[in-house]
Amino acid sequence: MITLGRSARASNVLASSAELAQRGVAVAPASRGGDVTYHGPGQLVGYPVVRLRGGVVDHMTAMARAIGRVLGELGITTAFRREAPGLWTNDEKLCAFGVHIRGRVAIHGFAINVTTDLEAFNLIVPCGLPGARVTSIARLGVASPPALEILAARIARTLGAELNVTFHSNSIAMLDGITRMDGA
C-alpha cells in the first residue's frame, strides 16, 4: 500500500494506476504528516497514540531515540534527521516518521523496514525526497533480523520508557503481513 500524507504530491507516485493495479498496490490518503511512502510485508508500522507532554519535535526525537536504541542493540547505527524525519544509516532511510496531532494527542508514528521488499519503493519518490534511498534491517546484513512481533515488543517497551507510558501487548497485531503497534 502507498499512503499519501497531508503534504503529498501526486507526482511522487511514479507508477501508473495500471501498474499499481497489476502489482496489487493500493493508494490511500492518510492524515499523517509527510509525503508519500510505501507500506508492505516485512515492515513494522507503529502508531503510538499518546498525549503530548512537549511539542511535535520532542515527540519525534523521543521516538527516534527509542527506536535508535533498539536498532543499536542489533548493531545498526542510526541518526535522526529533523529535515527529513526518520532514522538514517549510511545515507539510506531505514525508518520513516509521520505523525498527526489533534487535541495534543499524537497518532500515526513510524515505519521500520525489517525484511521489506525494497523494490516497491521504486514506485514512489520516498517521502518526497528525490534521490533518497531506503534500506532494511535485512539489507544491512543483520544475520537474523528479529521477528516483527519480537521487534514490536522491544520497541514498545523502549518507547514506552522514553515517553513514560505503558504500551500493552494486546496492542500489537499482524495486519496483512505488516506488524502494527497501536495505542498506549
C-alpha atoms as a PDB file:
ATOM      1  CA  MET A   1       0.000   0.000   0.000  1.00  0.00           C
ATOM      2  CA  ILE A   2       1.150   3.508  -0.796  1.00  0.00           C
ATOM      3  CA  THR A   3      -0.040   6.205   1.589  1.00  0.00           C
ATOM      4  CA  LEU A   4      -0.209   9.895   0.851  1.00  0.00           C
ATOM      5  CA  GLY A   5       0.476  12.168   3.813  1.00  0.00           C
ATOM      6  CA  ARG A   6      -1.046  15.631   4.183  1.00  0.00           C
ATOM      7  CA  SER A   7       1.752  17.282   2.172  1.00  0.00           C
ATOM      8  CA  ALA A   8       1.969  14.568  -0.508  1.00  0.00           C
ATOM      9  CA  ARG A   9       2.325  15.477  -4.152  1.00  0.00           C
ATOM     10  CA  ALA A  10       0.618  13.098  -6.585  1.00  0.00           C
ATOM     11  CA  SER A  11       3.674  13.374  -8.846  1.00  0.00           C
ATOM     12  CA  ASN A  12       5.662  11.493  -6.178  1.00  0.00           C
ATOM     13  CA  VAL A  13       3.774   8.322  -7.107  1.00  0.00           C
ATOM     14  CA  LEU A  14       5.867   7.254 -10.096  1.00  0.00           C
ATOM     15  CA  ALA A  15       3.924   4.174 -11.172  1.00  0.00           C
ATOM     16  CA  SER A  16       0.823   4.406 -13.300  1.00  0.00           C
ATOM     17  CA  SER A  17      -2.562   3.372 -11.943  1.00  0.00           C
ATOM     18  CA  ALA A  18      -2.426   0.340 -14.265  1.00  0.00           C
ATOM     19  CA  GLU A  19       0.980  -0.764 -12.937  1.00  0.00           C
ATOM     20  CA  LEU A  20      -0.151  -0.317  -9.328  1.00  0.00           C
ATOM     21  CA  ALA A  21      -3.294  -2.337 -10.026  1.00  0.00           C
ATOM     22  CA  GLN A  22      -1.267  -5.079 -11.723  1.00  0.00           C
ATOM     23  CA  ARG A  23       1.000  -5.297  -8.663  1.00  0.00           C
ATOM     24  CA  GLY A  24      -1.953  -5.165  -6.253  1.00  0.00           C
ATOM     25  CA  VAL A  25      -0.726  -1.937  -4.637  1.00  0.00           C
ATOM     26  CA  ALA A  26      -3.449   0.380  -3.336  1.00  0.00           C
ATOM     27  CA  VAL A  27      -3.017   4.123  -2.859  1.00  0.00           C
ATOM     28  CA  ALA A  28      -4.749   5.795   0.081  1.00  0.00           C
ATOM     29  CA  PRO A  29      -4.707   9.223   1.713  1.00  0.00           C
ATOM     30  CA  ALA A  30      -3.528   9.407   5.325  1.00  0.00           C
ATOM     31  CA  SER A  31      -3.960  12.112   7.952  1.00  0.00           C
ATOM     32  CA  ARG A  32      -0.310  11.792   8.974  1.00  0.00           C
ATOM     33  CA  GLY A  33       2.261  14.394   8.131  1.00  0.00           C
ATOM     34  CA  GLY A  34       4.767  13.900   5.379  1.00  0.00           C
ATOM     35  CA  ASP A  35       4.620  12.946   1.748  1.00  0.00           C
ATOM     36  CA  VAL A  36       4.405   9.551   0.005  1.00  0.00           C
ATOM     37  CA  THR A  37       5.531   6.253   1.499  1.00  0.00           C
ATOM     38  CA  TYR A  38       5.138   2.548   0.895  1.00  0.00           C
ATOM     39  CA  HIS A  39       3.854   0.017   3.448  1.00  0.00           C
ATOM     40  CA  GLY A  40       4.202  -3.697   2.878  1.00  0.00           C
ATOM     41  CA  PRO A  41       5.040  -7.087   4.329  1.00  0.00           C
ATOM     42  CA  GLY A  42       8.172  -7.217   6.441  1.00  0.00           C
ATOM     43  CA  GLN A  43       7.653  -3.699   7.753  1.00  0.00           C
ATOM     44  CA  LEU A  44       6.935  -2.736  11.363  1.00  0.00           C
ATOM     45  CA  VAL A  45       4.427   0.111  11.456  1.00  0.00           C
ATOM     46  CA  GLY A  46       3.919   1.652  14.891  1.00  0.00           C
ATOM     47  CA  TYR A  47       1.168   4.079  15.826  1.00  0.00           C
ATOM     48  CA  PRO A  48       1.939   5.125  19.404  1.00  0.00           C
ATOM     49  CA  VAL A  49      -1.189   7.075  20.325  1.00  0.00           C
ATOM     50  CA  VAL A  50      -0.106   9.313  23.188  1.00  0.00           C
ATOM     51  CA  ARG A  51      -0.928  12.668  24.749  1.00  0.00           C
ATOM     52  CA  LEU A  52       1.957  15.032  24.067  1.00  0.00           C
ATOM     53  CA  ARG A  53       3.806  16.449  27.037  1.00  0.00           C
ATOM     54  CA  GLY A  54       6.004  18.639  24.833  1.00  0.00           C
ATOM     55  CA  GLY A  55       5.895  19.625  21.198  1.00  0.00           C
ATOM     56  CA  VAL A  56       5.872  17.624  17.988  1.00  0.00           C
ATOM     57  CA  VAL A  57       9.660  17.825  17.595  1.00  0.00           C
ATOM     58  CA  ASP A  58      10.106  16.499  21.145  1.00  0.00           C
ATOM     59  CA  HIS A  59       7.801  13.591  20.317  1.00  0.00           C
ATOM     60  CA  MET A  60       9.629  12.780  17.078  1.00  0.00           C
ATOM     61  CA  THR A  61      13.057  12.903  18.727  1.00  0.00           C
ATOM     62  CA  ALA A  62      11.795  10.696  21.577  1.00  0.00           C
ATOM     63  CA  MET A  63      10.629   8.116  19.012  1.00  0.00           C
ATOM     64  CA  ALA A  64      13.997   8.412  17.248  1.00  0.00           C
ATOM     65  CA  ARG A  65      15.943   7.891  20.489  1.00  0.00           C
ATOM     66  CA  ALA A  66      13.916   4.831  21.484  1.00  0.00           C
ATOM     67  CA  ILE A  67      13.916   3.152  18.077  1.00  0.00           C
ATOM     68  CA  GLY A  68      17.583   4.065  17.556  1.00  0.00           C
ATOM     69  CA  ARG A  69      18.432   2.409  20.877  1.00  0.00           C
ATOM     70  CA  VAL A  70      16.736  -0.856  19.821  1.00  0.00           C
ATOM     71  CA  LEU A  71      18.395  -0.755  16.392  1.00  0.00           C
ATOM     72  CA  GLY A  72      21.730  -0.091  18.121  1.00  0.00           C
ATOM     73  CA  GLU A  73      21.272  -3.341  20.055  1.00  0.00           C
ATOM     74  CA  LEU A  74      21.148  -5.035  16.633  1.00  0.00           C
ATOM     75  CA  GLY A  75      24.441  -3.377  15.675  1.00  0.00           C
ATOM     76  CA  ILE A  76      22.857  -0.673  13.498  1.00  0.00           C
ATOM     77  CA  THR A  77      23.952   2.929  13.975  1.00  0.00           C
ATOM     78  CA  THR A  78      21.313   5.482  13.005  1.00  0.00           C
ATOM     79  CA  ALA A  79      20.914   9.246  13.019  1.00  0.00           C
ATOM     80  CA  PHE A  80      17.690  11.238  13.229  1.00  0.00           C
ATOM     81  CA  ARG A  81      17.233  13.896  10.551  1.00  0.00           C
ATOM     82  CA  ARG A  82      14.690  16.516  11.512  1.00  0.00           C
ATOM     83  CA  GLU A  83      14.582  17.981   7.984  1.00  0.00           C
ATOM     84  CA  ALA A  84      13.749  14.538   6.547  1.00  0.00           C
ATOM     85  CA  PRO A  85      12.045  12.891   9.543  1.00  0.00           C
ATOM     86  CA  GLY A  86      13.273   9.401  10.100  1.00  0.00           C
ATOM     87  CA  LEU A  87      16.250   7.313  11.075  1.00  0.00           C
ATOM     88  CA  TRP A  88      19.047   7.155   8.540  1.00  0.00           C
ATOM     89  CA  THR A  89      22.078   4.911   8.249  1.00  0.00           C
ATOM     90  CA  ASN A  90      24.764   5.199   5.581  1.00  0.00           C
ATOM     91  CA  ASP A  91      22.656   7.907   3.853  1.00  0.00           C
ATOM     92  CA  GLU A  92      19.748   5.482   3.487  1.00  0.00           C
ATOM     93  CA  LYS A  93      16.422   5.791   5.269  1.00  0.00           C
ATOM     94  CA  LEU A  94      15.642   2.820   7.498  1.00  0.00           C
ATOM     95  CA  CYS A  95      12.714   4.215   9.466  1.00  0.00           C
ATOM     96  CA  ALA A  96      10.214   6.856   8.343  1.00  0.00           C
ATOM     97  CA  PHE A  97       8.200   9.086  10.683  1.00  0.00           C
ATOM     98  CA  GLY A  98       4.841  10.709  10.048  1.00  0.00           C
ATOM     99  CA  VAL A  99       2.512  11.938  12.774  1.00  0.00           C
ATOM    100  CA  HIS A 100      -0.748  13.777  13.127  1.00  0.00           C
ATOM    101  CA  ILE A 101      -1.583  15.833  16.209  1.00  0.00           C
ATOM    102  CA  ARG A 102      -5.131  16.510  17.300  1.00  0.00           C
ATOM    103  CA  GLY A 103      -6.021  17.956  20.678  1.00  0.00           C
ATOM    104  CA  ARG A 104      -2.392  17.405  21.815  1.00  0.00           C
ATOM    105  CA  VAL A 105      -2.723  13.674  21.048  1.00  0.00           C
ATOM    106  CA  ALA A 106      -0.235  12.164  18.581  1.00  0.00           C
ATOM    107  CA  ILE A 107      -1.435   9.491  16.201  1.00  0.00           C
ATOM    108  CA  HIS A 108       0.397   7.690  13.421  1.00  0.00           C
ATOM    109  CA  GLY A 109       4.114   7.283  14.045  1.00  0.00           C
ATOM    110  CA  PHE A 110       6.783   5.239  12.279  1.00  0.00           C
ATOM    111  CA  ALA A 111       7.525   2.533   9.737  1.00  0.00           C
ATOM    112  CA  ILE A 112      10.708   0.439  10.009  1.00  0.00           C
ATOM    113  CA  ASN A 113      11.821  -1.674   7.069  1.00  0.00           C
ATOM    114  CA  VAL A 114      12.799  -5.003   8.595  1.00  0.00           C
ATOM    115  CA  THR A 115      12.622  -7.524   5.734  1.00  0.00           C
ATOM    116  CA  THR A 116      10.596  -5.316   3.385  1.00  0.00           C
ATOM    117  CA  ASP A 117      10.955  -5.819  -0.373  1.00  0.00           C
ATOM    118  CA  LEU A 118      12.742  -2.550  -1.148  1.00  0.00           C
ATOM    119  CA  GLU A 119      11.950  -2.835  -4.859  1.00  0.00           C
ATOM    120  CA  ALA A 120       8.483  -1.491  -4.049  1.00  0.00           C
ATOM    121  CA  PHE A 121       9.989   1.898  -3.160  1.00  0.00           C
ATOM    122  CA  ASN A 122      10.806   2.331  -6.864  1.00  0.00           C
ATOM    123  CA  LEU A 123       7.094   3.007  -7.346  1.00  0.00           C
ATOM    124  CA  ILE A 124       7.415   6.315  -5.475  1.00  0.00           C
ATOM    125  CA  VAL A 125       9.696   9.185  -4.553  1.00  0.00           C
ATOM    126  CA  PRO A 126      10.168   8.050  -0.920  1.00  0.00           C
ATOM    127  CA  CYS A 127       8.970  10.733   1.496  1.00  0.00           C
ATOM    128  CA  GLY A 128       9.054  13.191  -1.406  1.00  0.00           C
ATOM    129  CA  LEU A 129      12.869  13.197  -1.319  1.00  0.00           C
ATOM    130  CA  PRO A 130      14.231  12.831  -4.874  1.00  0.00           C
ATOM    131  CA  GLY A 131      17.240  10.546  -4.906  1.00  0.00           C
ATOM    132  CA  ALA A 132      16.594   9.257  -1.378  1.00  0.00           C
ATOM    133  CA  ARG A 133      17.403   5.601  -0.933  1.00  0.00           C
ATOM    134  CA  VAL A 134      15.773   3.297   1.564  1.00  0.00           C
ATOM    135  CA  THR A 135      17.195   0.252   3.286  1.00  0.00           C
ATOM    136  CA  SER A 136      16.085  -2.506   5.628  1.00  0.00           C
ATOM    137  CA  ILE A 137      17.477  -4.294   8.639  1.00  0.00           C
ATOM    138  CA  ALA A 138      17.923  -7.405   6.472  1.00  0.00           C
ATOM    139  CA  ARG A 139      19.783  -5.480   3.743  1.00  0.00           C
ATOM    140  CA  LEU A 140      22.125  -4.005   6.340  1.00  0.00           C
ATOM    141  CA  GLY A 141      23.408  -7.504   6.969  1.00  0.00           C
ATOM    142  CA  VAL A 142      21.851  -8.305  10.341  1.00  0.00           C
ATOM    143  CA  ALA A 143      22.322 -12.078  10.309  1.00  0.00           C
ATOM    144  CA  SER A 144      18.893 -12.881  11.718  1.00  0.00           C
ATOM    145  CA  PRO A 145      16.553  -9.897  11.789  1.00  0.00           C
ATOM    146  CA  PRO A 146      14.196 -10.329  14.747  1.00  0.00           C
ATOM    147  CA  ALA A 147      10.651 -11.478  14.058  1.00  0.00           C
ATOM    148  CA  LEU A 148       8.357  -8.491  13.659  1.00  0.00           C
ATOM    149  CA  GLU A 149       6.398  -9.359  16.811  1.00  0.00           C
ATOM    150  CA  ILE A 150       9.597  -9.529  18.882  1.00  0.00           C
ATOM    151  CA  LEU A 151      10.895  -6.257  17.458  1.00  0.00           C
ATOM    152  CA  ALA A 152       7.494  -4.626  18.099  1.00  0.00           C
ATOM    153  CA  ALA A 153       7.548  -5.728  21.746  1.00  0.00           C
ATOM    154  CA  ARG A 154      11.123  -4.427  22.217  1.00  0.00           C
ATOM    155  CA  ILE A 155      10.256  -1.087  20.663  1.00  0.00           C
ATOM    156  CA  ALA A 156       7.016  -0.860  22.666  1.00  0.00           C
ATOM    157  CA  ARG A 157       8.980  -1.301  25.923  1.00  0.00           C
ATOM    158  CA  THR A 158      11.751   1.112  24.942  1.00  0.00           C
ATOM    159  CA  LEU A 159       9.418   3.735  23.505  1.00  0.00           C
ATOM    160  CA  GLY A 160       7.095   3.412  26.484  1.00  0.00           C
ATOM    161  CA  ALA A 161      10.006   4.084  28.841  1.00  0.00           C
ATOM    162  CA  GLU A 162      11.105   7.058  26.722  1.00  0.00           C
ATOM    163  CA  LEU A 163       7.589   8.547  26.680  1.00  0.00           C
ATOM    164  CA  ASN A 164       6.759   7.451  30.253  1.00  0.00           C
ATOM    165  CA  VAL A 165       3.734   5.394  29.161  1.00  0.00           C
ATOM    166  CA  THR A 166       2.935   1.688  29.043  1.00  0.00           C
ATOM    167  CA  PHE A 167       2.089   0.023  25.766  1.00  0.00           C
ATOM    168  CA  HIS A 168       0.072  -3.164  26.272  1.00  0.00           C
ATOM    169  CA  SER A 169       0.935  -6.374  24.447  1.00  0.00           C
ATOM    170  CA  ASN A 170      -2.617  -6.678  23.117  1.00  0.00           C
ATOM    171  CA  SER A 171      -1.996  -3.516  21.094  1.00  0.00           C
ATOM    172  CA  ILE A 172       0.440  -5.332  18.777  1.00  0.00           C
ATOM    173  CA  ALA A 173      -1.185  -7.095  15.843  1.00  0.00           C
ATOM    174  CA  MET A 174      -0.366  -8.534  12.436  1.00  0.00           C
ATOM    175  CA  LEU A 175      -2.352  -6.959   9.589  1.00  0.00           C
ATOM    176  CA  ASP A 176      -1.846  -8.126   6.010  1.00  0.00           C
ATOM    177  CA  GLY A 177       1.744  -9.154   6.700  1.00  0.00           C
ATOM    178  CA  ILE A 178       2.572  -5.835   8.363  1.00  0.00           C
ATOM    179  CA  THR A 179       3.108  -5.766  12.093  1.00  0.00           C
ATOM    180  CA  ARG A 180       1.361  -2.763  13.575  1.00  0.00           C
ATOM    181  CA  MET A 181       1.832  -1.466  17.128  1.00  0.00           C
ATOM    182  CA  ASP A 182      -1.096   0.674  18.280  1.00  0.00           C
ATOM    183  CA  GLY A 183      -2.072   2.665  21.307  1.00  0.00           C
ATOM    184  CA  ALA A 184      -0.922   3.272  24.800  1.00  0.00           C
END
